[in-house]
PDB file of all heavy atoms in Angstrom:
ATOM      1  N   VAL A   1      -4.294   0.936   9.325  1.00  0.00           N
ATOM      2  CA  VAL A   1      -5.043  -0.288   9.355  1.00  0.00           C
ATOM      3  C   VAL A   1      -4.197  -1.410   9.494  1.00  0.00           C
ATOM      4  O   VAL A   1      -2.992  -1.593   9.012  1.00  0.00           O
ATOM      5  CB  VAL A   1      -5.996  -0.360   8.166  1.00  0.00           C
ATOM      6  CG1 VAL A   1      -7.037   0.746   8.221  1.00  0.00           C
ATOM      7  CG2 VAL A   1      -5.252  -0.494   6.847  1.00  0.00           C
ATOM      8  N   THR A   2      -4.788  -2.583  10.028  1.00  0.00           N
ATOM      9  CA  THR A   2      -3.959  -3.814  10.094  1.00  0.00           C
ATOM     10  C   THR A   2      -4.926  -5.060   9.620  1.00  0.00           C
ATOM     11  O   THR A   2      -6.183  -4.740   9.757  1.00  0.00           O
ATOM     12  CB  THR A   2      -3.665  -4.143  11.564  1.00  0.00           C
ATOM     13  OG1 THR A   2      -4.775  -4.229  12.392  1.00  0.00           O
ATOM     14  CG2 THR A   2      -2.575  -3.201  12.023  1.00  0.00           C
ATOM     15  N   GLN A   3      -4.337  -5.953   9.020  1.00  0.00           N
ATOM     16  CA  GLN A   3      -5.220  -7.209   8.520  1.00  0.00           C
ATOM     17  C   GLN A   3      -4.271  -8.368   8.680  1.00  0.00           C
ATOM     18  O   GLN A   3      -3.052  -8.416   8.791  1.00  0.00           O
ATOM     19  CB  GLN A   3      -5.432  -6.890   7.061  1.00  0.00           C
ATOM     20  CG  GLN A   3      -4.278  -6.625   6.121  1.00  0.00           C
ATOM     21  CD  GLN A   3      -4.668  -6.367   4.709  1.00  0.00           C
ATOM     22  OE1 GLN A   3      -5.455  -7.026   4.117  1.00  0.00           O
ATOM     23  NE2 GLN A   3      -4.021  -5.391   4.056  1.00  0.00           N
ATOM     24  N   LYS A   4      -5.054  -9.425   8.888  1.00  0.00           N
ATOM     25  CA  LYS A   4      -4.432 -10.714   9.091  1.00  0.00           C
ATOM     26  C   LYS A   4      -4.238 -11.449   7.690  1.00  0.00           C
ATOM     27  O   LYS A   4      -5.158 -11.407   6.911  1.00  0.00           O
ATOM     28  CB  LYS A   4      -5.285 -11.565  10.069  1.00  0.00           C
ATOM     29  CG  LYS A   4      -5.139 -11.094  11.551  1.00  0.00           C
ATOM     30  CD  LYS A   4      -5.879 -12.114  12.486  1.00  0.00           C
ATOM     31  CE  LYS A   4      -5.882 -11.564  13.861  1.00  0.00           C
ATOM     32  NZ  LYS A   4      -6.520 -12.574  14.853  1.00  0.00           N
ATOM     33  N   ARG A   5      -3.165 -12.136   7.572  1.00  0.00           N
ATOM     34  CA  ARG A   5      -2.848 -12.849   6.334  1.00  0.00           C
ATOM     35  C   ARG A   5      -2.402 -14.337   6.831  1.00  0.00           C
ATOM     36  O   ARG A   5      -1.738 -14.498   7.839  1.00  0.00           O
ATOM     37  CB  ARG A   5      -1.853 -12.195   5.425  1.00  0.00           C
ATOM     38  CG  ARG A   5      -2.288 -11.092   4.776  1.00  0.00           C
ATOM     39  CD  ARG A   5      -1.277 -10.569   3.773  1.00  0.00           C
ATOM     40  NE  ARG A   5      -1.773  -9.268   3.184  1.00  0.00           N
ATOM     41  CZ  ARG A   5      -1.075  -8.595   2.227  1.00  0.00           C
ATOM     42  NH1 ARG A   5       0.151  -9.047   1.943  1.00  0.00           N
ATOM     43  NH2 ARG A   5      -1.538  -7.471   1.821  1.00  0.00           N
ATOM     44  N   GLU A   6      -2.735 -15.272   6.069  1.00  0.00           N
ATOM     45  CA  GLU A   6      -2.345 -16.720   6.350  1.00  0.00           C
ATOM     46  C   GLU A   6      -0.902 -16.882   5.969  1.00  0.00           C
ATOM     47  O   GLU A   6      -0.362 -16.208   5.063  1.00  0.00           O
ATOM     48  CB  GLU A   6      -3.172 -17.688   5.500  1.00  0.00           C
ATOM     49  CG  GLU A   6      -4.661 -17.667   5.753  1.00  0.00           C
ATOM     50  CD  GLU A   6      -5.475 -18.678   5.002  1.00  0.00           C
ATOM     51  OE1 GLU A   6      -4.738 -19.470   4.255  1.00  0.00           O
ATOM     52  OE2 GLU A   6      -6.663 -18.689   5.040  1.00  0.00           O
ATOM     53  N   THR A   7      -0.260 -17.742   6.817  1.00  0.00           N
ATOM     54  CA  THR A   7       1.136 -18.097   6.629  1.00  0.00           C
ATOM     55  C   THR A   7       1.198 -19.628   6.406  1.00  0.00           C
ATOM     56  O   THR A   7       0.257 -20.379   6.418  1.00  0.00           O
ATOM     57  CB  THR A   7       1.961 -17.739   7.882  1.00  0.00           C
ATOM     58  OG1 THR A   7       1.537 -18.600   8.982  1.00  0.00           O
ATOM     59  CG2 THR A   7       1.681 -16.321   8.236  1.00  0.00           C
ATOM     60  N   ASN A   8       2.366 -20.070   6.021  1.00  0.00           N
ATOM     61  CA  ASN A   8       2.684 -21.536   5.811  1.00  0.00           C
ATOM     62  C   ASN A   8       3.089 -22.191   7.232  1.00  0.00           C
ATOM     63  O   ASN A   8       3.525 -23.311   7.050  1.00  0.00           O
ATOM     64  CB  ASN A   8       3.610 -21.669   4.673  1.00  0.00           C
ATOM     65  CG  ASN A   8       3.087 -21.226   3.369  1.00  0.00           C
ATOM     66  OD1 ASN A   8       1.844 -21.457   3.124  1.00  0.00           O
ATOM     67  ND2 ASN A   8       3.911 -20.763   2.628  1.00  0.00           N
ATOM     68  N   ASN A   9       3.037 -21.468   8.227  1.00  0.00           N
ATOM     69  CA  ASN A   9       3.610 -21.911   9.556  1.00  0.00           C
ATOM     70  C   ASN A   9       2.390 -22.596  10.369  1.00  0.00           C
ATOM     71  O   ASN A   9       1.573 -21.721  10.746  1.00  0.00           O
ATOM     72  CB  ASN A   9       4.239 -20.778  10.279  1.00  0.00           C
ATOM     73  CG  ASN A   9       4.913 -21.362  11.602  1.00  0.00           C
ATOM     74  OD1 ASN A   9       4.799 -22.411  11.976  1.00  0.00           O
ATOM     75  ND2 ASN A   9       5.721 -20.486  12.227  1.00  0.00           N
ATOM     76  N   PRO A  10       2.352 -23.871  10.515  1.00  0.00           N
ATOM     77  CA  PRO A  10       1.259 -24.398  11.282  1.00  0.00           C
ATOM     78  C   PRO A  10       1.086 -23.881  12.763  1.00  0.00           C
ATOM     79  O   PRO A  10       0.096 -23.752  13.290  1.00  0.00           O
ATOM     80  CB  PRO A  10       1.548 -25.879  11.266  1.00  0.00           C
ATOM     81  CG  PRO A  10       2.500 -26.144  10.122  1.00  0.00           C
ATOM     82  CD  PRO A  10       3.325 -24.810  10.130  1.00  0.00           C
ATOM     83  N   LYS A  11       2.230 -23.577  13.324  1.00  0.00           N
ATOM     84  CA  LYS A  11       2.257 -23.009  14.776  1.00  0.00           C
ATOM     85  C   LYS A  11       1.791 -21.513  14.794  1.00  0.00           C
ATOM     86  O   LYS A  11       1.212 -21.033  15.829  1.00  0.00           O
ATOM     87  CB  LYS A  11       3.656 -23.193  15.356  1.00  0.00           C
ATOM     88  CG  LYS A  11       4.136 -24.508  15.464  1.00  0.00           C
ATOM     89  CD  LYS A  11       5.535 -24.574  16.068  1.00  0.00           C
ATOM     90  CE  LYS A  11       5.955 -26.064  16.344  1.00  0.00           C
ATOM     91  NZ  LYS A  11       7.357 -26.083  16.927  1.00  0.00           N
ATOM     92  N   ASN A  12       1.890 -20.822  13.605  1.00  0.00           N
ATOM     93  CA  ASN A  12       1.399 -19.440  13.586  1.00  0.00           C
ATOM     94  C   ASN A  12       0.797 -19.176  12.242  1.00  0.00           C
ATOM     95  O   ASN A  12       1.331 -18.723  11.297  1.00  0.00           O
ATOM     96  CB  ASN A  12       2.684 -18.529  13.786  1.00  0.00           C
ATOM     97  CG  ASN A  12       2.132 -17.056  13.928  1.00  0.00           C
ATOM     98  OD1 ASN A  12       1.007 -16.766  14.194  1.00  0.00           O
ATOM     99  ND2 ASN A  12       3.122 -16.074  13.632  1.00  0.00           N
ATOM    100  N   PRO A  13      -0.470 -19.708  12.170  1.00  0.00           N
ATOM    101  CA  PRO A  13      -1.098 -19.722  10.860  1.00  0.00           C
ATOM    102  C   PRO A  13      -1.470 -18.242  10.215  1.00  0.00           C
ATOM    103  O   PRO A  13      -1.684 -18.201   9.115  1.00  0.00           O
ATOM    104  CB  PRO A  13      -2.462 -20.503  11.015  1.00  0.00           C
ATOM    105  CG  PRO A  13      -2.627 -20.344  12.561  1.00  0.00           C
ATOM    106  CD  PRO A  13      -1.381 -20.362  13.117  1.00  0.00           C
ATOM    107  N   PHE A  14      -1.406 -17.387  11.118  1.00  0.00           N
ATOM    108  CA  PHE A  14      -1.694 -15.995  10.671  1.00  0.00           C
ATOM    109  C   PHE A  14      -0.723 -14.975  11.115  1.00  0.00           C
ATOM    110  O   PHE A  14      -0.105 -15.131  12.220  1.00  0.00           O
ATOM    111  CB  PHE A  14      -3.160 -15.552  11.228  1.00  0.00           C
ATOM    112  CG  PHE A  14      -4.275 -16.321  10.745  1.00  0.00           C
ATOM    113  CD1 PHE A  14      -4.699 -17.258  11.510  1.00  0.00           C
ATOM    114  CD2 PHE A  14      -4.799 -16.000   9.565  1.00  0.00           C
ATOM    115  CE1 PHE A  14      -5.806 -18.103  10.929  1.00  0.00           C
ATOM    116  CE2 PHE A  14      -5.894 -16.650   9.027  1.00  0.00           C
ATOM    117  CZ  PHE A  14      -6.402 -17.844   9.669  1.00  0.00           C
ATOM    118  N   THR A  15      -0.586 -13.875  10.340  1.00  0.00           N
ATOM    119  CA  THR A  15       0.388 -12.909  10.666  1.00  0.00           C
ATOM    120  C   THR A  15      -0.225 -11.520  10.328  1.00  0.00           C
ATOM    121  O   THR A  15      -1.234 -11.400   9.542  1.00  0.00           O
ATOM    122  CB  THR A  15       1.670 -12.897   9.880  1.00  0.00           C
ATOM    123  OG1 THR A  15       2.695 -11.866  10.305  1.00  0.00           O
ATOM    124  CG2 THR A  15       1.476 -12.671   8.287  1.00  0.00           C
ATOM    125  N   GLU A  16       0.052 -10.529  11.137  1.00  0.00           N
ATOM    126  CA  GLU A  16      -0.573  -9.212  10.984  1.00  0.00           C
ATOM    127  C   GLU A  16       0.165  -8.297  10.200  1.00  0.00           C
ATOM    128  O   GLU A  16       1.380  -8.039  10.325  1.00  0.00           O
ATOM    129  CB  GLU A  16      -0.746  -8.505  12.537  1.00  0.00           C
ATOM    130  CG  GLU A  16      -1.803  -7.467  12.476  1.00  0.00           C
ATOM    131  CD  GLU A  16      -2.133  -7.026  13.951  1.00  0.00           C
ATOM    132  OE1 GLU A  16      -1.193  -6.412  14.383  1.00  0.00           O
ATOM    133  OE2 GLU A  16      -3.196  -7.333  14.387  1.00  0.00           O
ATOM    134  N   ILE A  17      -0.453  -7.797   9.191  1.00  0.00           N
ATOM    135  CA  ILE A  17       0.185  -6.889   8.191  1.00  0.00           C
ATOM    136  C   ILE A  17      -0.342  -5.346   8.336  1.00  0.00           C
ATOM    137  O   ILE A  17      -1.526  -5.145   8.588  1.00  0.00           O
ATOM    138  CB  ILE A  17      -0.148  -7.284   6.690  1.00  0.00           C
ATOM    139  CG1 ILE A  17       0.325  -8.786   6.502  1.00  0.00           C
ATOM    140  CG2 ILE A  17       0.461  -6.359   5.659  1.00  0.00           C
ATOM    141  CD1 ILE A  17       1.853  -8.931   6.606  1.00  0.00           C
ATOM    142  N   THR A  18       0.591  -4.488   8.342  1.00  0.00           N
ATOM    143  CA  THR A  18       0.190  -3.083   8.454  1.00  0.00           C
ATOM    144  C   THR A  18      -0.014  -2.423   7.078  1.00  0.00           C
ATOM    145  O   THR A  18       0.769  -2.639   6.129  1.00  0.00           O
ATOM    146  CB  THR A  18       1.373  -2.287   9.187  1.00  0.00           C
ATOM    147  OG1 THR A  18       1.518  -2.837  10.455  1.00  0.00           O
ATOM    148  CG2 THR A  18       0.969  -0.835   9.374  1.00  0.00           C
ATOM    149  N   ASP A  19      -1.109  -1.680   7.020  1.00  0.00           N
ATOM    150  CA  ASP A  19      -1.476  -0.931   5.894  1.00  0.00           C
ATOM    151  C   ASP A  19      -1.896   0.332   6.229  1.00  0.00           C
ATOM    152  O   ASP A  19      -2.090   0.791   7.329  1.00  0.00           O
ATOM    153  CB  ASP A  19      -2.494  -1.707   5.090  1.00  0.00           C
ATOM    154  CG  ASP A  19      -2.519  -1.288   3.550  1.00  0.00           C
ATOM    155  OD1 ASP A  19      -1.779  -0.417   3.155  1.00  0.00           O
ATOM    156  OD2 ASP A  19      -3.408  -1.741   2.843  1.00  0.00           O
ATOM    157  N   HIS A  20      -2.058   1.310   5.152  1.00  0.00           N
ATOM    158  CA  HIS A  20      -2.679   2.584   5.412  1.00  0.00           C
ATOM    159  C   HIS A  20      -3.702   2.965   4.361  1.00  0.00           C
ATOM    160  O   HIS A  20      -3.454   2.611   3.201  1.00  0.00           O
ATOM    161  CB  HIS A  20      -1.534   3.652   5.329  1.00  0.00           C
ATOM    162  CG  HIS A  20      -0.423   3.478   6.279  1.00  0.00           C
ATOM    163  ND1 HIS A  20       0.498   2.605   6.107  1.00  0.00           N
ATOM    164  CD2 HIS A  20      -0.255   3.930   7.773  1.00  0.00           C
ATOM    165  CE1 HIS A  20       1.410   2.550   7.208  1.00  0.00           C
ATOM    166  NE2 HIS A  20       0.827   3.396   8.198  1.00  0.00           N
ATOM    167  N   HIS A  21      -4.937   3.485   4.832  1.00  0.00           N
ATOM    168  CA  HIS A  21      -5.802   3.920   3.880  1.00  0.00           C
ATOM    169  C   HIS A  21      -5.553   5.417   3.657  1.00  0.00           C
ATOM    170  O   HIS A  21      -5.727   6.237   4.496  1.00  0.00           O
ATOM    171  CB  HIS A  21      -7.306   3.664   4.383  1.00  0.00           C
ATOM    172  CG  HIS A  21      -7.660   2.179   4.332  1.00  0.00           C
ATOM    173  ND1 HIS A  21      -8.816   1.814   4.945  1.00  0.00           N
ATOM    174  CD2 HIS A  21      -7.138   1.166   3.824  1.00  0.00           C
ATOM    175  CE1 HIS A  21      -8.861   0.459   4.768  1.00  0.00           C
ATOM    176  NE2 HIS A  21      -7.896   0.083   4.059  1.00  0.00           N
ATOM    177  N   ILE A  22      -5.295   5.752   2.415  1.00  0.00           N
ATOM    178  CA  ILE A  22      -4.789   7.066   2.065  1.00  0.00           C
ATOM    179  C   ILE A  22      -5.874   7.849   1.230  1.00  0.00           C
ATOM    180  O   ILE A  22      -6.483   7.300   0.291  1.00  0.00           O
ATOM    181  CB  ILE A  22      -3.544   6.990   1.228  1.00  0.00           C
ATOM    182  CG1 ILE A  22      -2.558   6.131   2.011  1.00  0.00           C
ATOM    183  CG2 ILE A  22      -3.005   8.453   0.699  1.00  0.00           C
ATOM    184  CD1 ILE A  22      -1.236   5.871   1.045  1.00  0.00           C
ATOM    185  N   LYS A  23      -6.059   9.108   1.633  1.00  0.00           N
ATOM    186  CA  LYS A  23      -6.982   9.949   0.907  1.00  0.00           C
ATOM    187  C   LYS A  23      -6.342  10.284  -0.362  1.00  0.00           C
ATOM    188  O   LYS A  23      -5.088  10.345  -0.684  1.00  0.00           O
ATOM    189  CB  LYS A  23      -7.286  11.207   1.591  1.00  0.00           C
ATOM    190  CG  LYS A  23      -8.211  11.044   2.906  1.00  0.00           C
ATOM    191  CD  LYS A  23      -8.580  12.327   3.543  1.00  0.00           C
ATOM    192  CE  LYS A  23      -9.378  12.134   4.773  1.00  0.00           C
ATOM    193  NZ  LYS A  23      -9.678  13.287   5.477  1.00  0.00           N
ATOM    194  N   ILE A  24      -7.185  10.556  -1.517  1.00  0.00           N
ATOM    195  CA  ILE A  24      -6.735  10.750  -2.776  1.00  0.00           C
ATOM    196  C   ILE A  24      -5.703  12.009  -2.895  1.00  0.00           C
ATOM    197  O   ILE A  24      -4.661  11.910  -3.632  1.00  0.00           O
ATOM    198  CB  ILE A  24      -7.947  10.931  -3.807  1.00  0.00           C
ATOM    199  CG1 ILE A  24      -8.748   9.768  -3.917  1.00  0.00           C
ATOM    200  CG2 ILE A  24      -7.504  11.412  -5.206  1.00  0.00           C
ATOM    201  CD1 ILE A  24      -8.030   8.439  -4.284  1.00  0.00           C
ATOM    202  N   PRO A  25      -6.115  13.090  -2.286  1.00  0.00           N
ATOM    203  CA  PRO A  25      -4.990  14.226  -2.332  1.00  0.00           C
ATOM    204  C   PRO A  25      -3.478  13.695  -1.883  1.00  0.00           C
ATOM    205  O   PRO A  25      -2.542  14.137  -2.488  1.00  0.00           O
ATOM    206  CB  PRO A  25      -5.578  15.202  -1.490  1.00  0.00           C
ATOM    207  CG  PRO A  25      -6.973  15.041  -1.471  1.00  0.00           C
ATOM    208  CD  PRO A  25      -7.100  13.596  -1.504  1.00  0.00           C
ATOM    209  N   MET A  26      -3.422  12.958  -0.908  1.00  0.00           N
ATOM    210  CA  MET A  26      -2.118  12.477  -0.428  1.00  0.00           C
ATOM    211  C   MET A  26      -1.600  11.504  -1.348  1.00  0.00           C
ATOM    212  O   MET A  26      -0.400  11.591  -1.730  1.00  0.00           O
ATOM    213  CB  MET A  26      -2.421  11.895   0.930  1.00  0.00           C
ATOM    214  CG  MET A  26      -0.985  11.047   1.462  1.00  0.00           C
ATOM    215  SD  MET A  26      -1.092  10.400   3.061  1.00  0.00           S
ATOM    216  CE  MET A  26       0.377   9.497   3.208  1.00  0.00           C
ATOM    217  N   ALA A  27      -2.484  10.643  -1.931  1.00  0.00           N
ATOM    218  CA  ALA A  27      -1.919   9.669  -2.980  1.00  0.00           C
ATOM    219  C   ALA A  27      -1.521  10.350  -4.204  1.00  0.00           C
ATOM    220  O   ALA A  27      -0.343   9.943  -4.771  1.00  0.00           O
ATOM    221  CB  ALA A  27      -3.024   8.702  -3.362  1.00  0.00           C
ATOM    222  N   LYS A  28      -2.112  11.449  -4.507  1.00  0.00           N
ATOM    223  CA  LYS A  28      -1.704  12.191  -5.749  1.00  0.00           C
ATOM    224  C   LYS A  28      -0.293  12.852  -5.543  1.00  0.00           C
ATOM    225  O   LYS A  28       0.566  12.844  -6.389  1.00  0.00           O
ATOM    226  CB  LYS A  28      -2.716  13.243  -6.106  1.00  0.00           C
ATOM    227  CG  LYS A  28      -2.466  14.078  -7.344  1.00  0.00           C
ATOM    228  CD  LYS A  28      -3.653  14.895  -7.514  1.00  0.00           C
ATOM    229  CE  LYS A  28      -3.959  15.852  -6.531  1.00  0.00           C
ATOM    230  NZ  LYS A  28      -5.173  16.788  -6.863  1.00  0.00           N
ATOM    231  N   GLU A  29      -0.135  13.396  -4.144  1.00  0.00           N
ATOM    232  CA  GLU A  29       1.177  14.064  -4.010  1.00  0.00           C
ATOM    233  C   GLU A  29       2.299  13.003  -3.914  1.00  0.00           C
ATOM    234  O   GLU A  29       3.475  13.299  -4.476  1.00  0.00           O
ATOM    235  CB  GLU A  29       1.031  14.764  -2.604  1.00  0.00           C
ATOM    236  CG  GLU A  29       0.181  16.071  -2.710  1.00  0.00           C
ATOM    237  CD  GLU A  29       0.397  16.819  -1.481  1.00  0.00           C
ATOM    238  OE1 GLU A  29       1.583  17.035  -0.962  1.00  0.00           O
ATOM    239  OE2 GLU A  29      -0.585  17.218  -0.829  1.00  0.00           O
ATOM    240  N   ILE A  30       2.162  11.885  -3.357  1.00  0.00           N
ATOM    241  CA  ILE A  30       3.092  10.741  -3.333  1.00  0.00           C
ATOM    242  C   ILE A  30       3.407  10.389  -4.775  1.00  0.00           C
ATOM    243  O   ILE A  30       4.565  10.129  -4.979  1.00  0.00           O
ATOM    244  CB  ILE A  30       2.451   9.528  -2.584  1.00  0.00           C
ATOM    245  CG1 ILE A  30       2.432   9.996  -1.039  1.00  0.00           C
ATOM    246  CG2 ILE A  30       3.364   8.419  -2.829  1.00  0.00           C
ATOM    247  CD1 ILE A  30       1.793   8.756  -0.215  1.00  0.00           C
ATOM    248  N   ALA A  31       2.486  10.127  -5.648  1.00  0.00           N
ATOM    249  CA  ALA A  31       2.750   9.886  -7.064  1.00  0.00           C
ATOM    250  C   ALA A  31       3.660  10.957  -7.670  1.00  0.00           C
ATOM    251  O   ALA A  31       4.503  10.649  -8.450  1.00  0.00           O
ATOM    252  CB  ALA A  31       1.328   9.751  -7.842  1.00  0.00           C
ATOM    253  N   MET A  32       3.293  12.220  -7.346  1.00  0.00           N
ATOM    254  CA  MET A  32       4.198  13.295  -8.023  1.00  0.00           C
ATOM    255  C   MET A  32       5.608  13.372  -7.541  1.00  0.00           C
ATOM    256  O   MET A  32       6.550  13.570  -8.209  1.00  0.00           O
ATOM    257  CB  MET A  32       3.647  14.707  -7.649  1.00  0.00           C
ATOM    258  CG  MET A  32       2.175  14.923  -8.317  1.00  0.00           C
ATOM    259  SD  MET A  32       1.396  16.451  -7.642  1.00  0.00           S
ATOM    260  CE  MET A  32       2.617  17.697  -8.161  1.00  0.00           C
ATOM    261  N   LEU A  33       5.870  12.745  -6.259  1.00  0.00           N
ATOM    262  CA  LEU A  33       7.177  12.761  -5.614  1.00  0.00           C
ATOM    263  C   LEU A  33       7.987  11.721  -6.269  1.00  0.00           C
ATOM    264  O   LEU A  33       9.243  11.777  -6.122  1.00  0.00           O
ATOM    265  CB  LEU A  33       7.071  12.410  -4.218  1.00  0.00           C
ATOM    266  CG  LEU A  33       6.430  13.505  -3.264  1.00  0.00           C
ATOM    267  CD1 LEU A  33       6.299  13.059  -1.851  1.00  0.00           C
ATOM    268  CD2 LEU A  33       7.493  14.766  -3.344  1.00  0.00           C
ATOM    269  N   GLN A  34       7.507  10.763  -7.060  1.00  0.00           N
ATOM    270  CA  GLN A  34       8.212   9.615  -7.522  1.00  0.00           C
ATOM    271  C   GLN A  34       9.124  10.040  -8.755  1.00  0.00           C
ATOM    272  O   GLN A  34      10.070   9.441  -9.069  1.00  0.00           O
ATOM    273  CB  GLN A  34       7.312   8.418  -7.948  1.00  0.00           C
ATOM    274  CG  GLN A  34       6.391   7.967  -6.724  1.00  0.00           C
ATOM    275  CD  GLN A  34       7.141   7.779  -5.505  1.00  0.00           C
ATOM    276  OE1 GLN A  34       8.158   6.988  -5.419  1.00  0.00           O
ATOM    277  NE2 GLN A  34       6.695   8.383  -4.474  1.00  0.00           N
ATOM    278  N   ARG A  35       8.575  11.018  -9.391  1.00  0.00           N
ATOM    279  CA  ARG A  35       9.354  11.512 -10.652  1.00  0.00           C
ATOM    280  C   ARG A  35       9.786  10.363 -11.757  1.00  0.00           C
ATOM    281  O   ARG A  35      10.914  10.431 -12.162  1.00  0.00           O
ATOM    282  CB  ARG A  35      10.661  12.260 -10.142  1.00  0.00           C
ATOM    283  CG  ARG A  35      10.271  13.334  -9.228  1.00  0.00           C
ATOM    284  CD  ARG A  35      11.592  13.999  -8.671  1.00  0.00           C
ATOM    285  NE  ARG A  35      11.397  15.051  -7.771  1.00  0.00           N
ATOM    286  CZ  ARG A  35      10.977  16.354  -8.064  1.00  0.00           C
ATOM    287  NH1 ARG A  35      10.796  16.695  -9.209  1.00  0.00           N
ATOM    288  NH2 ARG A  35      10.855  17.138  -6.987  1.00  0.00           N
ATOM    289  N   ASN A  36       8.731   9.532 -11.957  1.00  0.00           N
ATOM    290  CA  ASN A  36       8.994   8.453 -12.930  1.00  0.00           C
ATOM    291  C   ASN A  36       7.697   8.282 -13.711  1.00  0.00           C
ATOM    292  O   ASN A  36       6.658   8.882 -13.399  1.00  0.00           O
ATOM    293  CB  ASN A  36       9.525   7.248 -12.401  1.00  0.00           C
ATOM    294  CG  ASN A  36       8.694   6.633 -11.279  1.00  0.00           C
ATOM    295  OD1 ASN A  36       7.450   6.943 -11.232  1.00  0.00           O
ATOM    296  ND2 ASN A  36       9.211   5.938 -10.366  1.00  0.00           N
ATOM    297  N   GLU A  37       7.667   7.329 -14.733  1.00  0.00           N
ATOM    298  CA  GLU A  37       6.572   7.159 -15.562  1.00  0.00           C
ATOM    299  C   GLU A  37       5.387   6.544 -14.776  1.00  0.00           C
ATOM    300  O   GLU A  37       4.295   6.842 -14.938  1.00  0.00           O
ATOM    301  CB  GLU A  37       6.900   6.145 -16.615  1.00  0.00           C
ATOM    302  CG  GLU A  37       5.823   5.966 -17.654  1.00  0.00           C
ATOM    303  CD  GLU A  37       5.471   7.302 -18.456  1.00  0.00           C
ATOM    304  OE1 GLU A  37       6.243   8.157 -18.523  1.00  0.00           O
ATOM    305  OE2 GLU A  37       4.190   7.335 -18.687  1.00  0.00           O
ATOM    306  N   LYS A  38       5.660   5.528 -13.809  1.00  0.00           N
ATOM    307  CA  LYS A  38       4.611   5.066 -13.017  1.00  0.00           C
ATOM    308  C   LYS A  38       4.044   6.111 -12.116  1.00  0.00           C
ATOM    309  O   LYS A  38       2.785   6.058 -11.884  1.00  0.00           O
ATOM    310  CB  LYS A  38       5.175   3.881 -12.041  1.00  0.00           C
ATOM    311  CG  LYS A  38       5.851   2.660 -12.914  1.00  0.00           C
ATOM    312  CD  LYS A  38       4.626   2.125 -13.570  1.00  0.00           C
ATOM    313  CE  LYS A  38       3.755   1.215 -12.787  1.00  0.00           C
ATOM    314  NZ  LYS A  38       2.914   0.428 -13.482  1.00  0.00           N
ATOM    315  N   GLY A  39       4.828   7.100 -11.571  1.00  0.00           N
ATOM    316  CA  GLY A  39       4.234   8.081 -10.804  1.00  0.00           C
ATOM    317  C   GLY A  39       3.314   9.030 -11.540  1.00  0.00           C
ATOM    318  O   GLY A  39       2.314   9.415 -11.054  1.00  0.00           O
ATOM    319  N   LYS A  40       3.764   9.258 -12.820  1.00  0.00           N
ATOM    320  CA  LYS A  40       2.973  10.030 -13.684  1.00  0.00           C
ATOM    321  C   LYS A  40       1.617   9.539 -14.019  1.00  0.00           C
ATOM    322  O   LYS A  40       0.601  10.143 -14.054  1.00  0.00           O
ATOM    323  CB  LYS A  40       3.693  10.307 -14.924  1.00  0.00           C
ATOM    324  CG  LYS A  40       3.102  11.210 -15.955  1.00  0.00           C
ATOM    325  CD  LYS A  40       3.822  11.484 -17.315  1.00  0.00           C
ATOM    326  CE  LYS A  40       3.155  12.341 -18.269  1.00  0.00           C
ATOM    327  NZ  LYS A  40       3.906  12.516 -19.538  1.00  0.00           N
ATOM    328  N   GLN A  41       1.725   8.180 -14.312  1.00  0.00           N
ATOM    329  CA  GLN A  41       0.275   7.293 -14.616  1.00  0.00           C
ATOM    330  C   GLN A  41      -0.560   7.485 -13.402  1.00  0.00           C
ATOM    331  O   GLN A  41      -1.745   7.723 -13.494  1.00  0.00           O
ATOM    332  CB  GLN A  41       0.753   5.886 -14.895  1.00  0.00           C
ATOM    333  CG  GLN A  41       1.447   5.747 -16.280  1.00  0.00           C
ATOM    334  CD  GLN A  41       1.602   4.134 -16.427  1.00  0.00           C
ATOM    335  OE1 GLN A  41       0.893   3.410 -15.849  1.00  0.00           O
ATOM    336  NE2 GLN A  41       2.613   4.001 -17.308  1.00  0.00           N
ATOM    337  N   ALA A  42       0.088   7.253 -12.114  1.00  0.00           N
ATOM    338  CA  ALA A  42      -0.776   7.305 -10.975  1.00  0.00           C
ATOM    339  C   ALA A  42      -1.299   8.687 -10.715  1.00  0.00           C
ATOM    340  O   ALA A  42      -2.572   8.797 -10.411  1.00  0.00           O
ATOM    341  CB  ALA A  42       0.006   6.901  -9.851  1.00  0.00           C
ATOM    342  N   ARG A  43      -0.595   9.670 -11.046  1.00  0.00           N
ATOM    343  CA  ARG A  43      -1.047  10.998 -10.760  1.00  0.00           C
ATOM    344  C   ARG A  43      -2.188  11.354 -11.762  1.00  0.00           C
ATOM    345  O   ARG A  43      -3.186  11.947 -11.275  1.00  0.00           O
ATOM    346  CB  ARG A  43       0.053  12.183 -10.966  1.00  0.00           C
ATOM    347  CG  ARG A  43      -0.301  13.571 -10.913  1.00  0.00           C
ATOM    348  CD  ARG A  43       0.835  14.511 -11.063  1.00  0.00           C
ATOM    349  NE  ARG A  43       0.403  15.941 -11.093  1.00  0.00           N
ATOM    350  CZ  ARG A  43      -0.018  16.466 -12.210  1.00  0.00           C
ATOM    351  NH1 ARG A  43      -0.018  15.852 -13.416  1.00  0.00           N
ATOM    352  NH2 ARG A  43      -0.363  17.716 -12.151  1.00  0.00           N
ATOM    353  N   LEU A  44      -2.118  11.025 -12.941  1.00  0.00           N
ATOM    354  CA  LEU A  44      -3.242  11.239 -13.920  1.00  0.00           C
ATOM    355  C   LEU A  44      -4.350  10.482 -13.541  1.00  0.00           C
ATOM    356  O   LEU A  44      -5.610  11.001 -13.746  1.00  0.00           O
ATOM    357  CB  LEU A  44      -2.702  10.919 -15.401  1.00  0.00           C
ATOM    358  CG  LEU A  44      -1.522  11.847 -16.010  1.00  0.00           C
ATOM    359  CD1 LEU A  44      -1.119  11.291 -17.347  1.00  0.00           C
ATOM    360  CD2 LEU A  44      -2.073  13.296 -16.186  1.00  0.00           C
ATOM    361  N   TYR A  45      -4.215   9.230 -13.040  1.00  0.00           N
ATOM    362  CA  TYR A  45      -5.256   8.398 -12.616  1.00  0.00           C
ATOM    363  C   TYR A  45      -6.037   9.131 -11.532  1.00  0.00           C
ATOM    364  O   TYR A  45      -7.342   9.110 -11.460  1.00  0.00           O
ATOM    365  CB  TYR A  45      -4.803   7.146 -12.290  1.00  0.00           C
ATOM    366  CG  TYR A  45      -5.666   6.130 -11.568  1.00  0.00           C
ATOM    367  CD1 TYR A  45      -6.729   5.648 -12.248  1.00  0.00           C
ATOM    368  CD2 TYR A  45      -5.519   5.821 -10.152  1.00  0.00           C
ATOM    369  CE1 TYR A  45      -7.692   4.815 -11.503  1.00  0.00           C
ATOM    370  CE2 TYR A  45      -6.580   4.964  -9.481  1.00  0.00           C
ATOM    371  CZ  TYR A  45      -7.475   4.527 -10.310  1.00  0.00           C
ATOM    372  OH  TYR A  45      -8.379   3.603  -9.674  1.00  0.00           O
TER     373      TYR A  45
END
């Protein structure tokens, strides 16, 4: 997915940001790959 965000540049007031909408099973696997406390919190969540 892409979304527009405002910038402080008057000549180019918007910039396009790339994002991804992730299903929960994938998000859970990514959290497990981190092998740290934040990853553990995300996985439990």
